[in-house]
Structures are given as structure tokens and as C-alpha cells.
Amino acid sequence: MAKRSTGVGNNKTSRSDKTKKRIEAKYKMLDARKKKK
């Protein structure tokens, strides 16, 4: 996980792994969408 600084500051206060995974999934989806364009 080298891409830790997503610029959200949410990672620092990640309350649980569940939320972290959800955030990661969101970013992955956004990334995929960007690549498609």
C-alpha cells in the first residue's frame, strides 16, 4: 500500500478496517473510471 496519501486525511483517523476498505474501493473505482476516459 504505497498509495497512502490520498489527500483525504481520512486514512489518519480510519476508525475501522471496514471504512478504510470502503474508502479504498471508492478510490479504486474512481481510478478505473479515469483510466477508461
PDB file of N, CA and C in Angstrom:
ATOM      1  N   MET A   1       0.855  -1.198   0.000  1.00  0.00           N
ATOM      2  CA  MET A   1       0.000   0.000   0.000  1.00  0.00           C
ATOM      3  C   MET A   1       0.888   1.243   0.000  1.00  0.00           C
ATOM      4  N   ALA A   2       1.451   1.539  -1.132  1.00  0.00           N
ATOM      5  CA  ALA A   2       2.325   2.708  -1.212  1.00  0.00           C
ATOM      6  C   ALA A   2       1.491   3.974  -1.388  1.00  0.00           C
ATOM      7  N   LYS A   3       0.301   3.806  -1.961  1.00  0.00           N
ATOM      8  CA  LYS A   3      -0.567   4.981  -2.188  1.00  0.00           C
ATOM      9  C   LYS A   3      -1.327   5.294  -0.904  1.00  0.00           C
ATOM     10  N   ARG A   4      -0.627   5.819   0.089  1.00  0.00           N
ATOM     11  CA  ARG A   4      -1.309   6.059   1.362  1.00  0.00           C
ATOM     12  C   ARG A   4      -1.862   7.487   1.421  1.00  0.00           C
ATOM     13  N   SER A   5      -1.119   8.436   0.891  1.00  0.00           N
ATOM     14  CA  SER A   5      -1.585   9.826   0.951  1.00  0.00           C
ATOM     15  C   SER A   5      -2.556  10.085  -0.188  1.00  0.00           C
ATOM     16  N   THR A   6      -3.824   9.906   0.094  1.00  0.00           N
ATOM     17  CA  THR A   6      -4.840  10.123  -0.946  1.00  0.00           C
ATOM     18  C   THR A   6      -5.328  11.561  -0.892  1.00  0.00           C
ATOM     19  N   GLY A   7      -4.800  12.336   0.065  1.00  0.00           N
ATOM     20  CA  GLY A   7      -5.198  13.734   0.158  1.00  0.00           C
ATOM     21  C   GLY A   7      -6.527  13.894   0.864  1.00  0.00           C
ATOM     22  N   VAL A   8      -7.005  12.846   1.517  1.00  0.00           N
ATOM     23  CA  VAL A   8      -8.297  12.952   2.197  1.00  0.00           C
ATOM     24  C   VAL A   8      -8.109  13.116   3.693  1.00  0.00           C
ATOM     25  N   GLY A   9      -6.966  12.695   4.222  1.00  0.00           N
ATOM     26  CA  GLY A   9      -6.753  12.819   5.663  1.00  0.00           C
ATOM     27  C   GLY A   9      -7.676  11.878   6.408  1.00  0.00           C
ATOM     28  N   ASN A  10      -8.434  11.080   5.671  1.00  0.00           N
ATOM     29  CA  ASN A  10      -9.351  10.136   6.310  1.00  0.00           C
ATOM     30  C   ASN A  10      -8.593   8.905   6.782  1.00  0.00           C
ATOM     31  N   ASN A  11      -7.463   8.651   6.119  1.00  0.00           N
ATOM     32  CA  ASN A  11      -6.679   7.460   6.462  1.00  0.00           C
ATOM     33  C   ASN A  11      -6.119   7.585   7.872  1.00  0.00           C
ATOM     34  N   LYS A  12      -5.737   8.820   8.244  1.00  0.00           N
ATOM     35  CA  LYS A  12      -5.140   9.001   9.577  1.00  0.00           C
ATOM     36  C   LYS A  12      -6.135   8.627  10.667  1.00  0.00           C
ATOM     37  N   THR A  13      -7.386   8.997  10.479  1.00  0.00           N
ATOM     38  CA  THR A  13      -8.378   8.729  11.519  1.00  0.00           C
ATOM     39  C   THR A  13      -9.288   7.575  11.128  1.00  0.00           C
ATOM     40  N   SER A  14      -8.736   6.637  10.375  1.00  0.00           N
ATOM     41  CA  SER A  14      -9.558   5.483   9.965  1.00  0.00           C
ATOM     42  C   SER A  14     -10.049   4.770  11.214  1.00  0.00           C
ATOM     43  N   ARG A  15     -11.345   4.840  11.491  1.00  0.00           N
ATOM     44  CA  ARG A  15     -11.870   4.244  12.731  1.00  0.00           C
ATOM     45  C   ARG A  15     -11.796   2.715  12.665  1.00  0.00           C
ATOM     46  N   SER A  16     -12.186   2.157  11.541  1.00  0.00           N
ATOM     47  CA  SER A  16     -12.161   0.687  11.454  1.00  0.00           C
ATOM     48  C   SER A  16     -11.667   0.252  10.084  1.00  0.00           C
ATOM     49  N   ASP A  17     -11.327  -1.020   9.971  1.00  0.00           N
ATOM     50  CA  ASP A  17     -10.847  -1.527   8.681  1.00  0.00           C
ATOM     51  C   ASP A  17     -11.963  -1.485   7.645  1.00  0.00           C
ATOM     52  N   LYS A  18     -13.186  -1.620   8.120  1.00  0.00           N
ATOM     53  CA  LYS A  18     -14.312  -1.640   7.176  1.00  0.00           C
ATOM     54  C   LYS A  18     -14.383  -0.315   6.413  1.00  0.00           C
ATOM     55  N   THR A  19     -14.338   0.784   7.161  1.00  0.00           N
ATOM     56  CA  THR A  19     -14.423   2.090   6.495  1.00  0.00           C
ATOM     57  C   THR A  19     -13.222   2.292   5.581  1.00  0.00           C
ATOM     58  N   LYS A  20     -12.064   1.846   6.049  1.00  0.00           N
ATOM     59  CA  LYS A  20     -10.848   2.012   5.234  1.00  0.00           C
ATOM     60  C   LYS A  20     -11.019   1.273   3.906  1.00  0.00           C
ATOM     61  N   LYS A  21     -11.534   0.055   4.008  1.00  0.00           N
ATOM     62  CA  LYS A  21     -11.705  -0.747   2.777  1.00  0.00           C
ATOM     63  C   LYS A  21     -12.698  -0.062   1.850  1.00  0.00           C
ATOM     64  N   ARG A  22     -13.743   0.506   2.441  1.00  0.00           N
ATOM     65  CA  ARG A  22     -14.757   1.155   1.613  1.00  0.00           C
ATOM     66  C   ARG A  22     -14.134   2.352   0.884  1.00  0.00           C
ATOM     67  N   ILE A  23     -13.343   3.126   1.625  1.00  0.00           N
ATOM     68  CA  ILE A  23     -12.692   4.298   1.019  1.00  0.00           C
ATOM     69  C   ILE A  23     -11.760   3.844  -0.098  1.00  0.00           C
ATOM     70  N   GLU A  24     -11.004   2.788   0.178  1.00  0.00           N
ATOM     71  CA  GLU A  24     -10.071   2.286  -0.838  1.00  0.00           C
ATOM     72  C   GLU A  24     -10.833   1.856  -2.090  1.00  0.00           C
ATOM     73  N   ALA A  25     -11.946   1.164  -1.879  1.00  0.00           N
ATOM     74  CA  ALA A  25     -12.741   0.689  -3.020  1.00  0.00           C
ATOM     75  C   ALA A  25     -13.224   1.893  -3.831  1.00  0.00           C
ATOM     76  N   LYS A  26     -13.638   2.944  -3.102  1.00  0.00           N
ATOM     77  CA  LYS A  26     -14.140   4.130  -3.790  1.00  0.00           C
ATOM     78  C   LYS A  26     -13.049   4.710  -4.689  1.00  0.00           C
ATOM     79  N   TYR A  27     -11.851   4.816  -4.116  1.00  0.00           N
ATOM     80  CA  TYR A  27     -10.752   5.389  -4.899  1.00  0.00           C
ATOM     81  C   TYR A  27     -10.403   4.503  -6.086  1.00  0.00           C
ATOM     82  N   LYS A  28     -10.463   3.197  -5.872  1.00  0.00           N
ATOM     83  CA  LYS A  28     -10.134   2.272  -6.970  1.00  0.00           C
ATOM     84  C   LYS A  28     -11.141   2.457  -8.100  1.00  0.00           C
ATOM     85  N   MET A  29     -12.393   2.628  -7.737  1.00  0.00           N
ATOM     86  CA  MET A  29     -13.429   2.801  -8.755  1.00  0.00           C
ATOM     87  C   MET A  29     -13.181   4.106  -9.527  1.00  0.00           C
ATOM     88  N   LEU A  30     -12.863   5.157  -8.775  1.00  0.00           N
ATOM     89  CA  LEU A  30     -12.600   6.448  -9.422  1.00  0.00           C
ATOM     90  C   LEU A  30     -11.417   6.315 -10.367  1.00  0.00           C
ATOM     91  N   ASP A  31     -10.385   5.629  -9.903  1.00  0.00           N
ATOM     92  CA  ASP A  31      -9.191   5.437 -10.730  1.00  0.00           C
ATOM     93  C   ASP A  31      -9.560   4.713 -12.025  1.00  0.00           C
ATOM     94  N   ALA A  32     -10.339   3.658 -11.883  1.00  0.00           N
ATOM     95  CA  ALA A  32     -10.720   2.867 -13.057  1.00  0.00           C
ATOM     96  C   ALA A  32     -11.503   3.751 -14.034  1.00  0.00           C
ATOM     97  N   ARG A  33     -12.379   4.578 -13.499  1.00  0.00           N
ATOM     98  CA  ARG A  33     -13.182   5.439 -14.361  1.00  0.00           C
ATOM     99  C   ARG A  33     -12.277   6.419 -15.116  1.00  0.00           C
ATOM    100  N   LYS A  34     -11.291   6.955 -14.388  1.00  0.00           N
ATOM    101  CA  LYS A  34     -10.375   7.918 -15.021  1.00  0.00           C
ATOM    102  C   LYS A  34      -9.606   7.246 -16.157  1.00  0.00           C
ATOM    103  N   LYS A  35      -9.179   6.019 -15.917  1.00  0.00           N
ATOM    104  CA  LYS A  35      -8.389   5.303 -16.937  1.00  0.00           C
ATOM    105  C   LYS A  35      -9.248   5.025 -18.171  1.00  0.00           C
ATOM    106  N   LYS A  36     -10.531   4.780 -17.949  1.00  0.00           N
ATOM    107  CA  LYS A  36     -11.417   4.460 -19.078  1.00  0.00           C
ATOM    108  C   LYS A  36     -11.554   5.670 -20.000  1.00  0.00           C
ATOM    109  N   LYS A  37     -11.649   6.845 -19.416  1.00  0.00           N
ATOM    110  CA  LYS A  37     -11.862   8.060 -20.228  1.00  0.00           C
ATOM    111  C   LYS A  37     -10.705   8.309 -21.168  1.00  0.00           C
TER     112      LYS A  37
END
